[in-house]
Amino acid sequence: MSKTPPARDNGKVIWLLVILLVLIAAGGSAAGVYFLMGKGAHGAASAEAAPAEVAQAPIFVPISPFTVNLRSEQRGERLLYVGLSLQVTDKASEEFLKQYMPQLRSRLLKLFAAQTAAELMTPNGKDLLSAKILEMLQQPMATPQPALRVTDVLYTDFIVQ
């Protein structure tokens, strides 16, 4: 006679192995999701925190637009309408430039009037003008004067007519 209980034991063993494999797969998947989500959350938090610590809000000193007669190569009159802002790195530079704005505007007017329309109409000409403005800002406006930390000249309006 054959024994039927061992057949049942084989069926039980197979079912236990299947259930065990399903549980292992589910646990592995859950662990993988947990670690990936955990790293993603920590990575996002540290990515957000790092720029906030390093990056400071830029400080801009706006300068009201100018209309200036340009140096003429020919007989016709040429005009420059230019608005700009200076980017500075500290509040001391911002306050100094605001306090000495009339003197700064006077120097800029003289600098702009010395330019020609042909020079200013090219991108390279605008870059050269920016460099001249930065160089001009190195000349003291007062004694004593704090070191001006101007990093960029940004044109907000620029029309040559």
Protein backbone atom coordinates (compact mmCIF):
# COMPACT_ATOMS: atom_id res chain seq x y z
CA MET A 1 0.00 0.00 0.00
CA SER A 2 1.10 3.47 -0.66
CA LYS A 3 1.32 6.14 1.91
CA THR A 4 -0.51 9.32 1.02
CA PRO A 5 0.79 11.46 3.89
CA PRO A 6 4.28 11.84 2.31
CA ALA A 7 2.63 13.28 -0.81
CA ARG A 8 0.94 15.81 1.38
CA ASP A 9 4.26 16.62 2.99
CA ASN A 10 5.78 17.27 -0.46
CA GLY A 11 2.88 19.63 -1.26
CA LYS A 12 3.32 21.41 2.04
CA VAL A 13 7.05 21.80 1.47
CA ILE A 14 6.49 23.24 -1.99
CA TRP A 15 3.92 25.70 -0.65
CA LEU A 16 6.22 26.72 2.19
CA LEU A 17 9.06 27.30 -0.29
CA VAL A 18 6.80 29.42 -2.54
CA ILE A 19 5.58 31.49 0.42
CA LEU A 20 9.13 31.86 1.69
CA LEU A 21 10.35 33.06 -1.75
CA VAL A 22 7.46 35.55 -2.02
CA LEU A 23 8.26 36.92 1.45
CA ILE A 24 11.96 37.24 0.62
CA ALA A 25 11.17 39.03 -2.65
CA ALA A 26 8.72 41.38 -0.95
CA GLY A 27 11.16 42.12 1.85
CA GLY A 28 13.97 42.79 -0.61
CA SER A 29 11.76 45.10 -2.65
CA ALA A 30 10.64 46.95 0.47
CA ALA A 31 14.23 47.33 1.65
CA GLY A 32 15.33 48.58 -1.77
CA VAL A 33 12.55 51.16 -1.91
CA TYR A 34 13.28 52.26 1.68
CA PHE A 35 16.98 52.80 1.00
CA LEU A 36 16.43 54.48 -2.35
CA MET A 37 13.75 56.77 -0.98
CA GLY A 38 15.82 57.45 2.11
CA LYS A 39 18.86 58.41 0.05
CA GLY A 40 16.70 60.52 -2.28
CA ALA A 41 15.16 62.41 0.63
CA HIS A 42 18.52 62.97 2.34
CA GLY A 43 20.15 63.87 -0.97
CA ALA A 44 17.43 66.41 -1.74
CA ALA A 45 17.62 67.88 1.74
CA SER A 46 21.39 68.26 1.60
CA ALA A 47 21.22 69.64 -1.95
CA GLU A 48 18.74 72.27 -0.80
CA ALA A 49 20.71 73.11 2.33
CA ALA A 50 24.11 73.45 0.64
CA PRO A 51 23.22 76.20 -1.88
CA ALA A 52 21.28 78.11 0.79
CA GLU A 53 24.43 78.26 2.92
CA VAL A 54 26.80 79.11 0.06
CA ALA A 55 24.74 81.31 -2.23
CA GLN A 56 23.88 84.78 -1.01
CA ALA A 57 21.28 87.00 -2.59
CA PRO A 58 22.92 89.34 -5.11
CA ILE A 59 23.07 93.04 -4.29
CA PHE A 60 22.38 95.44 -7.15
CA VAL A 61 22.84 99.19 -7.18
CA PRO A 62 20.53 100.60 -9.86
CA ILE A 63 21.60 103.72 -11.71
CA SER A 64 18.95 105.84 -13.40
CA PRO A 65 19.14 105.88 -17.21
CA PHE A 66 21.30 108.43 -19.04
CA THR A 67 20.88 110.15 -22.37
CA VAL A 68 24.29 111.23 -23.62
CA ASN A 69 25.65 112.83 -26.79
CA LEU A 70 28.33 110.53 -28.17
CA ARG A 71 31.64 111.61 -29.63
CA SER A 72 30.95 112.10 -33.31
CA GLU A 73 33.11 110.58 -36.04
CA GLN A 74 31.05 112.39 -38.65
CA ARG A 75 28.92 115.51 -38.61
CA GLY A 76 25.73 113.78 -37.46
CA GLU A 77 24.79 113.75 -33.80
CA ARG A 78 24.57 110.35 -32.14
CA LEU A 79 22.88 109.65 -28.82
CA LEU A 80 23.25 106.92 -26.24
CA TYR A 81 20.41 106.01 -23.90
CA VAL A 82 21.75 103.66 -21.26
CA GLY A 83 20.47 102.31 -17.97
CA LEU A 84 22.60 100.07 -15.81
CA SER A 85 22.99 98.38 -12.46
CA LEU A 86 26.16 97.54 -10.62
CA GLN A 87 26.40 94.18 -8.87
CA VAL A 88 28.27 94.39 -5.56
CA THR A 89 29.20 91.76 -3.00
CA ASP A 90 28.62 93.65 0.25
CA LYS A 91 26.36 96.22 1.88
CA ALA A 92 29.27 98.62 2.51
CA SER A 93 29.89 98.96 -1.25
CA GLU A 94 26.17 99.39 -1.89
CA GLU A 95 25.83 102.15 0.73
CA PHE A 96 28.95 103.95 -0.48
CA LEU A 97 27.78 103.97 -4.10
CA LYS A 98 24.34 105.23 -3.11
CA GLN A 99 25.87 107.98 -0.97
CA TYR A 100 28.19 109.09 -3.79
CA MET A 101 25.66 108.62 -6.62
CA PRO A 102 25.96 112.23 -7.97
CA GLN A 103 29.73 111.86 -8.32
CA LEU A 104 29.33 108.37 -9.82
CA ARG A 105 26.78 109.64 -12.37
CA SER A 106 29.08 112.54 -13.32
CA ARG A 107 31.98 110.17 -13.97
CA LEU A 108 29.75 107.84 -15.97
CA LEU A 109 28.42 110.72 -18.11
CA LYS A 110 31.98 111.78 -18.96
CA LEU A 111 32.95 108.20 -19.77
CA PHE A 112 29.89 107.64 -21.99
CA ALA A 113 30.38 110.95 -23.83
CA ALA A 114 33.92 109.88 -24.77
CA GLN A 115 32.61 106.83 -26.69
CA THR A 116 31.66 106.59 -30.35
CA ALA A 117 28.52 104.98 -31.72
CA ALA A 118 30.56 102.52 -33.81
CA GLU A 119 32.38 101.30 -30.70
CA LEU A 120 29.20 100.75 -28.70
CA MET A 121 27.14 98.97 -31.34
CA THR A 122 29.12 95.73 -31.12
CA PRO A 123 28.94 93.22 -28.26
CA ASN A 124 32.70 93.60 -27.82
CA GLY A 125 32.24 97.36 -27.52
CA LYS A 126 29.73 96.90 -24.71
CA ASP A 127 32.15 94.53 -22.94
CA LEU A 128 34.96 97.08 -23.27
CA LEU A 129 32.68 99.78 -21.86
CA SER A 130 31.89 97.53 -18.89
CA ALA A 131 35.61 97.04 -18.29
CA LYS A 132 36.16 100.82 -18.44
CA ILE A 133 33.36 101.35 -15.90
CA LEU A 134 34.91 98.79 -13.54
CA GLU A 135 38.30 100.47 -13.97
CA MET A 136 36.76 103.89 -13.31
CA LEU A 137 35.29 102.57 -10.05
CA GLN A 138 38.80 101.80 -8.81
CA GLN A 139 39.58 105.54 -8.72
CA PRO A 140 38.69 106.92 -5.27
CA MET A 141 35.68 109.19 -4.88
CA ALA A 142 36.45 110.06 -1.26
CA THR A 143 39.27 109.85 1.24
CA PRO A 144 39.31 107.47 2.93
CA GLN A 145 37.24 105.16 0.77
CA PRO A 146 36.42 101.54 1.50
CA ALA A 147 37.37 99.00 -1.14
CA LEU A 148 34.49 98.83 -3.59
CA ARG A 149 33.57 95.27 -4.39
CA VAL A 150 31.82 95.68 -7.74
CA THR A 151 31.68 92.39 -9.61
CA ASP A 152 29.63 93.20 -12.70
CA VAL A 153 28.08 95.94 -14.81
CA LEU A 154 24.62 95.00 -16.05
CA TYR A 155 22.93 96.99 -18.80
CA THR A 156 19.19 97.37 -18.32
CA ASP A 157 18.70 99.75 -21.28
CA PHE A 158 21.05 100.34 -24.19
CA ILE A 159 20.04 102.33 -27.28
CA VAL A 160 22.41 104.00 -29.71
CA GLN A 161 20.66 106.38 -32.07
